[in-house]
Amino acid sequence: MSGLDSSAPHIHGAAAFDDLADWGAQPEALVPGSANRGRLLHKGPGGQPEAGLWVCTPGAWRLSVPRPEFCHFVAGRATYEGDGGDRIEVAQGTCVLFPAGWTGRCTVHETIRTLYMLS
């Protein structure tokens, strides 16, 4: 159930919500096959802020974060390896704030489901 047209857009049961749009293949793939699906909750003027639900299947790609992005992983397992040497293992319940300009590699081991907000 969702209230995407509400004055306060919302999704009940986001961890299992399945009314998702096909967002295509993952750009900058290092290992092909990652497919993206999701549902946009809100996108403000000029695309800021943006919030939604994102699901991605296994694969690997280069990642460059253009503006601060907060992610709450509600399912799956992935590894983010920053170009500066940091390694972030994510799984259900992990929250990460990627600062603007963060670059590295993402490897999805088990399909991830993420609630995100870009500012």
N, C-alpha and C. Protein backbone atom coordinates (compact mmCIF):
# COMPACT_ATOMS: atom_id res chain seq x y z
N MET A 1 0.84 -1.17 0.00
CA MET A 1 0.00 0.00 0.00
C MET A 1 0.89 1.24 0.00
N SER A 2 0.48 2.25 -0.74
CA SER A 2 1.28 3.47 -0.76
C SER A 2 0.38 4.69 -0.84
N GLY A 3 0.95 5.79 -0.47
CA GLY A 3 0.30 7.08 -0.57
C GLY A 3 1.23 8.02 -1.32
N LEU A 4 1.63 7.61 -2.52
CA LEU A 4 2.59 8.40 -3.28
C LEU A 4 2.02 9.74 -3.73
N ASP A 5 0.68 9.85 -3.79
CA ASP A 5 0.06 11.11 -4.19
C ASP A 5 -0.35 11.95 -2.99
N SER A 6 0.02 11.53 -1.81
CA SER A 6 -0.32 12.23 -0.57
C SER A 6 0.48 13.52 -0.45
N SER A 7 0.01 14.41 0.45
CA SER A 7 0.77 15.63 0.73
C SER A 7 2.08 15.28 1.45
N ALA A 8 2.16 14.08 2.02
CA ALA A 8 3.39 13.54 2.62
C ALA A 8 3.56 12.14 2.02
N PRO A 9 4.18 12.04 0.83
CA PRO A 9 4.30 10.74 0.15
C PRO A 9 4.87 9.67 1.07
N HIS A 10 4.29 8.47 0.98
CA HIS A 10 4.70 7.40 1.87
C HIS A 10 4.42 6.04 1.26
N ILE A 11 5.14 5.05 1.79
CA ILE A 11 4.97 3.65 1.40
C ILE A 11 4.89 2.83 2.68
N HIS A 12 3.83 2.06 2.83
CA HIS A 12 3.73 1.11 3.94
C HIS A 12 4.41 -0.18 3.51
N GLY A 13 5.16 -0.79 4.42
CA GLY A 13 5.81 -2.05 4.10
C GLY A 13 6.90 -1.91 3.06
N ALA A 14 7.72 -0.88 3.17
CA ALA A 14 8.75 -0.60 2.16
C ALA A 14 9.72 -1.76 1.96
N ALA A 15 9.91 -2.59 2.98
CA ALA A 15 10.85 -3.70 2.87
C ALA A 15 10.35 -4.77 1.89
N ALA A 16 9.05 -4.78 1.61
CA ALA A 16 8.49 -5.78 0.69
C ALA A 16 7.69 -5.16 -0.45
N PHE A 17 7.59 -3.84 -0.49
CA PHE A 17 6.81 -3.14 -1.52
C PHE A 17 7.28 -3.55 -2.90
N ASP A 18 6.35 -3.96 -3.78
CA ASP A 18 6.77 -4.48 -5.08
C ASP A 18 6.22 -3.73 -6.29
N ASP A 19 5.57 -2.59 -6.10
CA ASP A 19 5.09 -1.78 -7.22
C ASP A 19 6.24 -0.87 -7.65
N LEU A 20 7.24 -1.48 -8.29
CA LEU A 20 8.47 -0.77 -8.65
C LEU A 20 8.58 -0.59 -10.15
N ALA A 21 9.18 0.51 -10.56
CA ALA A 21 9.42 0.80 -11.97
C ALA A 21 10.78 0.25 -12.38
N ASP A 22 10.91 -0.14 -13.63
CA ASP A 22 12.19 -0.59 -14.18
C ASP A 22 13.06 0.63 -14.41
N TRP A 23 14.20 0.71 -13.73
CA TRP A 23 15.12 1.83 -13.89
C TRP A 23 16.31 1.46 -14.76
N GLY A 24 16.27 0.29 -15.37
CA GLY A 24 17.30 -0.11 -16.33
C GLY A 24 18.55 -0.71 -15.73
N ALA A 25 19.51 -0.95 -16.60
CA ALA A 25 20.79 -1.55 -16.20
C ALA A 25 21.64 -0.54 -15.45
N GLN A 26 22.52 -1.05 -14.61
CA GLN A 26 23.40 -0.19 -13.83
C GLN A 26 24.46 0.43 -14.75
N PRO A 27 24.55 1.77 -14.77
CA PRO A 27 25.61 2.40 -15.59
C PRO A 27 27.00 2.12 -15.01
N GLU A 28 28.01 2.25 -15.80
CA GLU A 28 29.42 2.06 -15.43
C GLU A 28 29.68 0.67 -14.84
N ALA A 29 28.98 -0.35 -15.39
CA ALA A 29 29.11 -1.72 -14.88
C ALA A 29 30.52 -2.25 -15.09
N LEU A 30 31.07 -2.86 -14.05
CA LEU A 30 32.34 -3.58 -14.13
C LEU A 30 32.07 -5.06 -14.31
N VAL A 31 30.97 -5.50 -13.74
CA VAL A 31 30.45 -6.86 -13.92
C VAL A 31 29.02 -6.69 -14.39
N PRO A 32 28.71 -7.04 -15.64
CA PRO A 32 27.38 -6.79 -16.17
C PRO A 32 26.30 -7.61 -15.48
N GLY A 33 25.08 -7.12 -15.57
CA GLY A 33 23.95 -7.87 -15.08
C GLY A 33 23.10 -7.16 -14.04
N SER A 34 23.64 -6.14 -13.37
CA SER A 34 22.85 -5.45 -12.35
C SER A 34 21.68 -4.71 -12.98
N ALA A 35 20.49 -5.00 -12.46
CA ALA A 35 19.27 -4.33 -12.92
C ALA A 35 18.72 -3.50 -11.76
N ASN A 36 18.21 -2.33 -12.09
CA ASN A 36 17.67 -1.40 -11.10
C ASN A 36 16.16 -1.29 -11.23
N ARG A 37 15.49 -1.29 -10.09
CA ARG A 37 14.06 -1.00 -10.04
C ARG A 37 13.85 -0.06 -8.86
N GLY A 38 12.79 0.68 -8.88
CA GLY A 38 12.57 1.56 -7.75
C GLY A 38 11.26 2.31 -7.83
N ARG A 39 11.07 3.14 -6.83
CA ARG A 39 9.89 3.99 -6.77
C ARG A 39 10.33 5.31 -6.17
N LEU A 40 10.09 6.39 -6.89
CA LEU A 40 10.41 7.73 -6.44
C LEU A 40 9.32 8.19 -5.48
N LEU A 41 9.70 8.64 -4.29
CA LEU A 41 8.74 9.20 -3.34
C LEU A 41 8.57 10.69 -3.57
N HIS A 42 9.69 11.37 -3.81
CA HIS A 42 9.63 12.83 -3.98
C HIS A 42 10.86 13.30 -4.74
N LYS A 43 10.65 14.29 -5.58
CA LYS A 43 11.76 14.98 -6.25
C LYS A 43 11.39 16.46 -6.26
N GLY A 44 12.20 17.26 -5.59
CA GLY A 44 11.95 18.68 -5.47
C GLY A 44 12.40 19.44 -6.71
N PRO A 45 12.24 20.77 -6.69
CA PRO A 45 12.67 21.61 -7.80
C PRO A 45 14.15 21.41 -8.11
N GLY A 46 14.47 21.26 -9.37
CA GLY A 46 15.85 21.04 -9.77
C GLY A 46 16.37 19.68 -9.33
N GLY A 47 15.45 18.77 -8.95
CA GLY A 47 15.84 17.43 -8.55
C GLY A 47 16.33 17.32 -7.11
N GLN A 48 16.19 18.41 -6.32
CA GLN A 48 16.69 18.39 -4.95
C GLN A 48 15.61 18.82 -3.99
N PRO A 49 15.37 18.14 -2.92
CA PRO A 49 15.91 16.82 -2.60
C PRO A 49 15.22 15.74 -3.43
N GLU A 50 15.73 14.54 -3.34
CA GLU A 50 15.12 13.38 -3.98
C GLU A 50 15.12 12.25 -2.97
N ALA A 51 13.99 11.54 -2.88
CA ALA A 51 13.89 10.41 -1.95
C ALA A 51 13.12 9.29 -2.60
N GLY A 52 13.50 8.05 -2.29
CA GLY A 52 12.80 6.93 -2.87
C GLY A 52 13.27 5.59 -2.35
N LEU A 53 12.81 4.58 -3.04
CA LEU A 53 13.11 3.19 -2.75
C LEU A 53 13.83 2.62 -3.96
N TRP A 54 14.99 2.00 -3.75
CA TRP A 54 15.81 1.47 -4.85
C TRP A 54 16.15 0.02 -4.58
N VAL A 55 15.99 -0.83 -5.61
CA VAL A 55 16.34 -2.24 -5.54
C VAL A 55 17.32 -2.53 -6.67
N CYS A 56 18.41 -3.24 -6.35
CA CYS A 56 19.43 -3.55 -7.36
C CYS A 56 19.90 -4.99 -7.20
N THR A 57 19.97 -5.70 -8.33
CA THR A 57 20.41 -7.09 -8.35
C THR A 57 21.94 -7.17 -8.37
N PRO A 58 22.51 -8.35 -8.10
CA PRO A 58 23.97 -8.50 -8.02
C PRO A 58 24.73 -8.04 -9.26
N GLY A 59 25.93 -7.53 -9.00
CA GLY A 59 26.84 -7.03 -10.02
C GLY A 59 27.82 -6.08 -9.38
N ALA A 60 28.61 -5.38 -10.19
CA ALA A 60 29.59 -4.42 -9.68
C ALA A 60 29.72 -3.27 -10.66
N TRP A 61 29.98 -2.07 -10.12
CA TRP A 61 30.11 -0.88 -10.95
C TRP A 61 30.90 0.20 -10.23
N ARG A 62 31.41 1.14 -11.01
CA ARG A 62 32.04 2.35 -10.47
C ARG A 62 30.94 3.28 -9.99
N LEU A 63 31.22 3.97 -8.92
CA LEU A 63 30.23 4.85 -8.31
C LEU A 63 30.86 6.20 -8.04
N SER A 64 30.16 7.25 -8.42
CA SER A 64 30.56 8.62 -8.13
C SER A 64 29.33 9.35 -7.61
N VAL A 65 29.36 9.77 -6.36
CA VAL A 65 28.20 10.38 -5.70
C VAL A 65 28.25 11.89 -5.93
N PRO A 66 27.29 12.44 -6.69
CA PRO A 66 27.34 13.86 -7.04
C PRO A 66 26.94 14.81 -5.91
N ARG A 67 26.07 14.35 -5.01
CA ARG A 67 25.64 15.19 -3.88
C ARG A 67 25.37 14.26 -2.69
N PRO A 68 25.33 14.78 -1.47
CA PRO A 68 25.18 13.91 -0.31
C PRO A 68 24.00 12.95 -0.47
N GLU A 69 24.26 11.67 -0.12
CA GLU A 69 23.22 10.65 -0.25
C GLU A 69 23.19 9.79 1.00
N PHE A 70 22.02 9.77 1.64
CA PHE A 70 21.80 8.92 2.80
C PHE A 70 21.09 7.65 2.33
N CYS A 71 21.59 6.48 2.74
CA CYS A 71 21.00 5.20 2.35
C CYS A 71 20.73 4.36 3.59
N HIS A 72 19.52 3.80 3.66
CA HIS A 72 19.18 2.83 4.71
C HIS A 72 18.88 1.52 3.98
N PHE A 73 19.74 0.54 4.18
CA PHE A 73 19.61 -0.75 3.51
C PHE A 73 18.65 -1.62 4.32
N VAL A 74 17.56 -2.05 3.69
CA VAL A 74 16.56 -2.85 4.39
C VAL A 74 16.60 -4.32 3.99
N ALA A 75 17.41 -4.66 2.99
CA ALA A 75 17.58 -6.06 2.57
C ALA A 75 18.84 -6.18 1.72
N GLY A 76 19.38 -7.40 1.65
CA GLY A 76 20.50 -7.69 0.77
C GLY A 76 21.85 -7.48 1.43
N ARG A 77 22.88 -7.57 0.57
CA ARG A 77 24.26 -7.47 1.05
C ARG A 77 25.13 -6.91 -0.07
N ALA A 78 25.97 -5.93 0.26
CA ALA A 78 26.86 -5.31 -0.73
C ALA A 78 28.11 -4.80 -0.04
N THR A 79 29.14 -4.51 -0.86
CA THR A 79 30.38 -3.93 -0.37
C THR A 79 30.66 -2.66 -1.18
N TYR A 80 30.92 -1.57 -0.47
CA TYR A 80 31.33 -0.31 -1.09
C TYR A 80 32.80 -0.11 -0.75
N GLU A 81 33.64 0.06 -1.77
CA GLU A 81 35.06 0.28 -1.57
C GLU A 81 35.42 1.65 -2.12
N GLY A 82 35.77 2.56 -1.21
CA GLY A 82 36.11 3.92 -1.60
C GLY A 82 37.48 4.00 -2.23
N ASP A 83 37.65 4.95 -3.14
CA ASP A 83 38.95 5.14 -3.78
C ASP A 83 40.03 5.50 -2.76
N GLY A 84 39.62 6.01 -1.60
CA GLY A 84 40.57 6.36 -0.54
C GLY A 84 40.97 5.18 0.33
N GLY A 85 40.42 3.98 0.04
CA GLY A 85 40.81 2.79 0.76
C GLY A 85 39.81 2.28 1.78
N ASP A 86 38.75 3.05 2.06
CA ASP A 86 37.78 2.54 3.03
C ASP A 86 36.90 1.46 2.41
N ARG A 87 36.43 0.57 3.28
CA ARG A 87 35.59 -0.55 2.85
C ARG A 87 34.35 -0.56 3.75
N ILE A 88 33.17 -0.51 3.13
CA ILE A 88 31.92 -0.47 3.88
C ILE A 88 31.09 -1.68 3.49
N GLU A 89 30.89 -2.58 4.45
CA GLU A 89 30.04 -3.75 4.24
C GLU A 89 28.63 -3.36 4.65
N VAL A 90 27.65 -3.54 3.76
CA VAL A 90 26.27 -3.20 4.10
C VAL A 90 25.40 -4.45 4.06
N ALA A 91 24.41 -4.45 4.94
CA ALA A 91 23.42 -5.52 5.03
C ALA A 91 22.16 -4.90 5.64
N GLN A 92 21.14 -5.71 5.82
CA GLN A 92 19.89 -5.23 6.40
C GLN A 92 20.17 -4.45 7.68
N GLY A 93 19.62 -3.23 7.74
CA GLY A 93 19.77 -2.40 8.92
C GLY A 93 20.92 -1.42 8.87
N THR A 94 21.80 -1.50 7.86
CA THR A 94 22.93 -0.58 7.74
C THR A 94 22.46 0.76 7.19
N CYS A 95 22.95 1.85 7.78
CA CYS A 95 22.72 3.20 7.27
C CYS A 95 24.08 3.79 6.89
N VAL A 96 24.13 4.47 5.74
CA VAL A 96 25.38 5.08 5.27
C VAL A 96 25.07 6.47 4.74
N LEU A 97 25.92 7.43 5.06
CA LEU A 97 25.84 8.76 4.46
C LEU A 97 27.06 8.91 3.57
N PHE A 98 26.84 8.87 2.25
CA PHE A 98 27.92 9.09 1.29
C PHE A 98 28.02 10.59 1.05
N PRO A 99 29.16 11.21 1.33
CA PRO A 99 29.30 12.64 1.09
C PRO A 99 29.40 12.94 -0.41
N ALA A 100 29.07 14.16 -0.78
CA ALA A 100 29.22 14.59 -2.18
C ALA A 100 30.67 14.38 -2.58
N GLY A 101 30.88 13.82 -3.77
CA GLY A 101 32.21 13.59 -4.28
C GLY A 101 32.80 12.23 -3.94
N TRP A 102 32.07 11.41 -3.14
CA TRP A 102 32.57 10.08 -2.80
C TRP A 102 32.66 9.25 -4.07
N THR A 103 33.80 8.58 -4.27
CA THR A 103 33.98 7.73 -5.45
C THR A 103 34.51 6.37 -5.01
N GLY A 104 34.19 5.37 -5.80
CA GLY A 104 34.67 4.03 -5.51
C GLY A 104 33.96 2.99 -6.34
N ARG A 105 33.83 1.82 -5.74
CA ARG A 105 33.23 0.67 -6.41
C ARG A 105 32.15 0.09 -5.50
N CYS A 106 31.04 -0.32 -6.11
CA CYS A 106 30.00 -1.02 -5.39
C CYS A 106 29.89 -2.44 -5.95
N THR A 107 29.88 -3.42 -5.07
CA THR A 107 29.66 -4.81 -5.47
C THR A 107 28.46 -5.33 -4.69
N VAL A 108 27.40 -5.66 -5.41
CA VAL A 108 26.20 -6.21 -4.77
C VAL A 108 26.32 -7.73 -4.80
N HIS A 109 26.29 -8.34 -3.62
CA HIS A 109 26.41 -9.79 -3.49
C HIS A 109 25.04 -10.46 -3.48
N GLU A 110 24.08 -9.85 -2.80
CA GLU A 110 22.69 -10.30 -2.74
C GLU A 110 21.82 -9.08 -2.99
N THR A 111 20.77 -9.22 -3.78
CA THR A 111 19.92 -8.09 -4.16
C THR A 111 19.68 -7.16 -2.97
N ILE A 112 20.00 -5.87 -3.16
CA ILE A 112 19.82 -4.89 -2.10
C ILE A 112 18.52 -4.11 -2.31
N ARG A 113 17.96 -3.70 -1.20
CA ARG A 113 16.77 -2.85 -1.17
C ARG A 113 17.14 -1.69 -0.25
N THR A 114 17.05 -0.48 -0.78
CA THR A 114 17.57 0.69 -0.08
C THR A 114 16.55 1.82 -0.10
N LEU A 115 16.36 2.44 1.04
CA LEU A 115 15.61 3.69 1.13
C LEU A 115 16.68 4.78 1.08
N TYR A 116 16.51 5.74 0.17
CA TYR A 116 17.57 6.73 -0.02
C TYR A 116 17.03 8.14 -0.04
N MET A 117 17.92 9.08 0.23
CA MET A 117 17.61 10.51 0.08
C MET A 117 18.85 11.23 -0.37
N LEU A 118 18.73 11.93 -1.49
CA LEU A 118 19.79 12.79 -2.01
C LEU A 118 19.43 14.22 -1.67
N SER A 119 20.42 14.98 -1.15
CA SER A 119 20.14 16.37 -0.82
C SER A 119 20.85 17.30 -1.76
